[in-house]
Amino acid sequence: MATQWRGAVIYKPTSGVSVYGMYGTSFDPSGEGLSLSASTADLAPERSHTVETGVKWDPNKYLLLSAALFRTVMSNLREASPTDPTIQILAGTARSQGIELQAQGYVTRGWLVLAGFTYMDAEILSSPNGDRGSQLQNAPRNNLRLFSVYDLSSKLTIGGGVEYSSSRVPGTVVDSNGFRQEVPGYWSASASARYRIASRINLQLNVDNIANRRFYDGLDDNHVNVSAGRSVRVSFIVQR
């Protein structure tokens, strides 16, 4: 029987600052996500160990700033057998580590900001398939998110956001032609406007992927999902 646990310690040097540390374990059984098959039915769970430390700061009651360092090591990683690719064995080790920065709250009374940046170094540490040092599947090194809204008046609010993701790989091993596949990074921008018609009635406009960029927002080792093009939505919102 597999077990998992988690523990954390929080220290507050001042009323507005919290410093924390966390360590925990987890496991991923072979049947997760309805993925059980003849090649994985007899395999033990993959196991992970995670450590994280960080700080959170409330400069005022409207704004929260945070930073965290994290590291996760997964052992018993399911890998294709080097002698028979149709079956899987527990032979790999992978690691993901990095830093996450976040800011959320009101800069001024009418200006809301949500921002986050993550740097992640995720790679294979050991493997029987010659992919040691390879970037993990669908794990961009850099990810940036920024969203902000501003109240121009008591009735009109405008906003917008940008998102960036660096290049990713659909798999850790080379393909049948000897190439290592990779999808490029991308930028995407959005905008919104909301007008209050009455106390509980709003008219909202959203424009996504303003530049009509083509990028891949999902991928696997056998397919990719192409992003939607520029889209415009108008919503009539009634609050109860």
Protein backbone atom coordinates (compact mmCIF):
# COMPACT_ATOMS: atom_id res chain seq x y z
CA MET A 1 0.00 0.00 0.00
CA ALA A 2 1.36 3.42 -0.98
CA THR A 3 1.13 6.29 1.51
CA GLN A 4 1.74 10.00 1.20
CA TRP A 5 2.17 12.84 3.67
CA ARG A 6 2.91 16.54 3.84
CA GLY A 7 4.21 18.89 6.51
CA ALA A 8 4.80 22.65 6.65
CA VAL A 9 6.20 25.31 8.99
CA ILE A 10 5.20 28.99 8.88
CA TYR A 11 7.06 31.82 10.62
CA LYS A 12 5.85 35.44 10.82
CA PRO A 13 8.76 37.81 11.60
CA THR A 14 6.34 40.75 11.27
CA SER A 15 2.57 41.08 10.96
CA GLY A 16 2.76 41.52 7.18
CA VAL A 17 5.42 38.92 6.32
CA SER A 18 5.15 35.13 6.36
CA VAL A 19 8.05 32.75 5.68
CA TYR A 20 7.25 29.09 5.11
CA GLY A 21 8.80 25.75 4.29
CA MET A 22 7.06 22.58 3.11
CA TYR A 23 8.02 18.98 2.42
CA GLY A 24 5.76 16.23 1.15
CA THR A 25 5.47 13.01 -0.78
CA SER A 26 2.94 11.75 -3.30
CA PHE A 27 2.38 8.83 -5.64
CA ASP A 28 0.84 8.37 -9.08
CA PRO A 29 -0.69 4.93 -9.71
CA SER A 30 -0.58 3.38 -13.15
CA GLY A 31 -4.36 3.69 -13.53
CA GLU A 32 -4.52 7.47 -13.02
CA GLY A 33 -6.62 9.32 -15.57
CA LEU A 34 -8.18 6.05 -16.80
CA SER A 35 -4.82 5.22 -18.45
CA LEU A 36 -4.48 1.65 -17.21
CA SER A 37 -3.36 -0.76 -19.91
CA ALA A 38 -1.78 -4.17 -20.26
CA SER A 39 1.67 -2.54 -20.40
CA THR A 40 1.21 -0.71 -17.06
CA ALA A 41 -1.22 -2.86 -15.04
CA ASP A 42 1.54 -4.59 -13.01
CA LEU A 43 3.64 -1.47 -12.37
CA ALA A 44 4.01 0.08 -8.93
CA PRO A 45 3.15 3.79 -8.51
CA GLU A 46 5.51 6.56 -9.49
CA ARG A 47 6.70 8.40 -6.37
CA SER A 48 7.44 12.09 -5.86
CA HIS A 49 9.20 14.11 -3.14
CA THR A 50 8.58 17.85 -3.03
CA VAL A 51 10.25 20.63 -1.06
CA GLU A 52 9.21 24.28 -1.24
CA THR A 53 10.15 27.43 0.62
CA GLY A 54 8.93 30.95 0.13
CA VAL A 55 7.85 34.28 1.52
CA LYS A 56 4.58 36.22 1.35
CA TRP A 57 4.34 39.95 2.02
CA ASP A 58 1.26 42.11 2.55
CA PRO A 59 2.48 45.70 2.18
CA ASN A 60 -1.14 46.69 2.80
CA LYS A 61 -4.51 44.94 3.09
CA TYR A 62 -5.12 45.27 -0.66
CA LEU A 63 -1.90 43.82 -2.10
CA LEU A 64 -0.10 40.46 -1.75
CA LEU A 65 3.43 39.76 -3.04
CA SER A 66 4.99 36.30 -2.91
CA ALA A 67 8.08 34.37 -4.00
CA ALA A 68 8.77 30.65 -3.79
CA LEU A 69 11.53 28.17 -4.57
CA PHE A 70 10.44 24.62 -5.34
CA ARG A 71 11.95 21.25 -6.21
CA THR A 72 10.19 17.97 -7.01
CA VAL A 73 11.96 14.70 -7.75
CA MET A 74 9.96 11.81 -9.22
CA SER A 75 11.36 8.30 -8.99
CA ASN A 76 10.02 5.03 -10.40
CA LEU A 77 9.26 7.00 -13.56
CA ARG A 78 7.40 4.98 -16.17
CA GLU A 79 9.59 4.53 -19.24
CA ALA A 80 9.32 2.49 -22.41
CA SER A 81 11.48 -0.62 -22.19
CA PRO A 82 14.65 -0.24 -24.32
CA THR A 83 14.29 -3.89 -25.37
CA ASP A 84 10.53 -3.86 -26.04
CA PRO A 85 8.96 -0.40 -26.61
CA THR A 86 5.44 -1.89 -26.34
CA ILE A 87 5.81 -2.35 -22.58
CA GLN A 88 6.76 0.06 -19.81
CA ILE A 89 9.15 -0.34 -16.90
CA LEU A 90 9.89 1.66 -13.75
CA ALA A 91 13.40 2.86 -14.47
CA GLY A 92 13.54 6.66 -14.72
CA THR A 93 14.05 9.65 -12.44
CA ALA A 94 12.92 13.20 -13.26
CA ARG A 95 13.34 16.54 -11.53
CA SER A 96 11.50 19.84 -11.67
CA GLN A 97 12.84 22.88 -9.84
CA GLY A 98 12.51 26.63 -10.12
CA ILE A 99 11.14 29.87 -8.79
CA GLU A 100 7.70 31.46 -8.84
CA LEU A 101 6.94 35.16 -8.34
CA GLN A 102 3.41 36.52 -7.91
CA ALA A 103 1.68 39.83 -7.26
CA GLN A 104 -2.04 40.26 -6.83
CA GLY A 105 -4.22 43.02 -5.52
CA TYR A 106 -4.98 46.72 -5.88
CA VAL A 107 -2.17 49.14 -6.69
CA THR A 108 -4.66 51.97 -6.23
CA ARG A 109 -8.33 51.88 -5.30
CA GLY A 110 -9.44 51.38 -8.90
CA TRP A 111 -6.45 49.53 -10.36
CA LEU A 112 -6.29 45.74 -9.97
CA VAL A 113 -3.20 43.78 -11.04
CA LEU A 114 -2.63 40.01 -11.24
CA ALA A 115 0.90 39.01 -12.30
CA GLY A 116 3.00 35.89 -12.15
CA PHE A 117 6.29 34.57 -13.48
CA THR A 118 7.61 31.01 -13.24
CA TYR A 119 11.04 29.72 -14.18
CA MET A 120 11.14 25.92 -14.23
CA ASP A 121 14.10 23.66 -14.90
CA ALA A 122 12.51 20.26 -15.57
CA GLU A 123 14.60 17.42 -16.95
CA ILE A 124 15.26 13.69 -16.94
CA LEU A 125 17.95 12.69 -14.42
CA SER A 126 18.21 9.01 -15.30
CA SER A 127 16.69 6.80 -17.98
CA PRO A 128 17.44 3.61 -19.92
CA ASN A 129 16.44 5.34 -23.18
CA GLY A 130 19.33 7.74 -23.68
CA ASP A 131 17.29 10.87 -22.88
CA ARG A 132 19.12 11.93 -19.72
CA GLY A 133 19.17 15.74 -19.53
CA SER A 134 16.16 16.12 -21.84
CA GLN A 135 13.48 18.69 -21.03
CA LEU A 136 10.31 17.15 -19.62
CA GLN A 137 7.22 16.89 -21.78
CA ASN A 138 5.08 20.06 -21.99
CA ALA A 139 7.18 21.89 -19.38
CA PRO A 140 8.20 25.40 -20.56
CA ARG A 141 11.19 26.94 -18.82
CA ASN A 142 9.58 30.38 -18.67
CA ASN A 143 5.94 31.28 -18.17
CA LEU A 144 4.63 34.81 -17.69
CA ARG A 145 1.09 35.95 -16.93
CA LEU A 146 -0.08 39.55 -16.50
CA PHE A 147 -3.63 40.82 -16.19
CA SER A 148 -4.85 44.23 -15.11
CA VAL A 149 -8.15 46.11 -14.95
CA TYR A 150 -8.80 49.77 -14.23
CA ASP A 151 -11.98 51.59 -13.28
CA LEU A 152 -12.22 54.60 -15.56
CA SER A 153 -15.42 55.60 -13.78
CA SER A 154 -18.01 54.11 -11.46
CA LYS A 155 -19.60 52.44 -14.50
CA LEU A 156 -16.80 51.72 -16.98
CA THR A 157 -13.92 49.29 -16.40
CA ILE A 158 -11.24 48.40 -18.96
CA GLY A 159 -8.56 45.75 -18.79
CA GLY A 160 -6.15 43.54 -20.62
CA GLY A 161 -3.57 40.85 -20.23
CA VAL A 162 -0.61 39.12 -21.82
CA GLU A 163 0.65 35.57 -21.50
CA TYR A 164 3.99 34.14 -22.56
CA SER A 165 5.18 30.56 -22.65
CA SER A 166 8.63 29.50 -23.87
CA SER A 167 9.30 26.50 -26.10
CA ARG A 168 8.16 23.01 -25.07
CA VAL A 169 8.79 19.45 -26.20
CA PRO A 170 6.13 16.76 -26.79
CA GLY A 171 8.43 13.97 -25.58
CA THR A 172 11.83 13.38 -24.05
CA VAL A 173 13.22 10.98 -26.66
CA VAL A 174 14.07 11.58 -30.31
CA ASP A 175 11.48 10.58 -32.92
CA SER A 176 11.80 7.74 -35.42
CA ASN A 177 13.76 10.01 -37.79
CA GLY A 178 16.31 10.94 -35.15
CA PHE A 179 14.95 14.45 -34.51
CA ARG A 180 13.99 15.97 -31.18
CA GLN A 181 10.62 17.63 -31.72
CA GLU A 182 9.89 21.04 -30.20
CA VAL A 183 7.12 23.64 -30.43
CA PRO A 184 8.10 27.32 -30.30
CA GLY A 185 7.21 29.72 -27.52
CA TYR A 186 4.39 32.20 -27.96
CA TRP A 187 2.85 35.47 -26.79
CA SER A 188 -0.88 36.07 -26.52
CA ALA A 189 -2.75 39.25 -25.59
CA SER A 190 -6.34 39.92 -24.57
CA ALA A 191 -8.50 42.93 -23.74
CA SER A 192 -11.81 43.53 -22.01
CA ALA A 193 -14.28 46.27 -21.20
CA ARG A 194 -17.26 46.20 -18.84
CA TYR A 195 -20.05 48.77 -18.57
CA ARG A 196 -22.47 48.81 -15.65
CA ILE A 197 -25.96 49.43 -17.00
CA ALA A 198 -27.60 49.09 -13.59
CA SER A 199 -26.53 48.03 -10.09
CA ARG A 200 -26.61 44.33 -11.00
CA ILE A 201 -26.56 44.42 -14.80
CA ASN A 202 -23.33 44.60 -16.82
CA LEU A 203 -22.45 44.56 -20.51
CA GLN A 204 -18.99 43.05 -21.15
CA LEU A 205 -16.73 42.83 -24.21
CA ASN A 206 -13.80 40.40 -24.42
CA VAL A 207 -11.23 40.13 -27.21
CA ASP A 208 -8.85 37.14 -27.02
CA ASN A 209 -5.68 36.56 -29.05
CA ILE A 210 -5.78 40.15 -30.30
CA ALA A 211 -2.89 39.70 -32.75
CA ASN A 212 -4.48 36.55 -34.20
CA ARG A 213 -1.29 34.62 -33.49
CA ARG A 214 -1.03 30.92 -34.29
CA PHE A 215 0.51 28.83 -31.55
CA TYR A 216 0.18 25.48 -29.83
CA ASP A 217 -1.54 25.59 -26.45
CA GLY A 218 -1.49 21.83 -25.86
CA LEU A 219 0.68 18.97 -27.07
CA ASP A 220 1.44 15.31 -26.59
CA ASP A 221 3.87 12.91 -28.23
CA ASN A 222 1.35 12.13 -30.98
CA HIS A 223 -0.72 15.31 -31.48
CA VAL A 224 -0.89 19.07 -30.89
CA ASN A 225 -3.77 21.47 -30.24
CA VAL A 226 -3.66 24.59 -32.39
CA SER A 227 -4.77 27.77 -30.65
CA ALA A 228 -8.01 29.49 -31.51
CA GLY A 229 -7.65 32.62 -33.62
CA ARG A 230 -8.80 36.08 -32.63
CA SER A 231 -12.19 35.88 -30.95
CA VAL A 232 -14.67 38.49 -29.74
CA ARG A 233 -17.35 37.87 -27.11
CA VAL A 234 -20.12 40.14 -25.91
CA SER A 235 -21.82 39.13 -22.66
CA PHE A 236 -24.89 40.45 -20.91
CA ILE A 237 -24.38 39.67 -17.21
CA VAL A 238 -27.13 39.80 -14.60
CA GLN A 239 -26.09 39.29 -10.98
CA ARG A 240 -28.49 37.86 -8.44
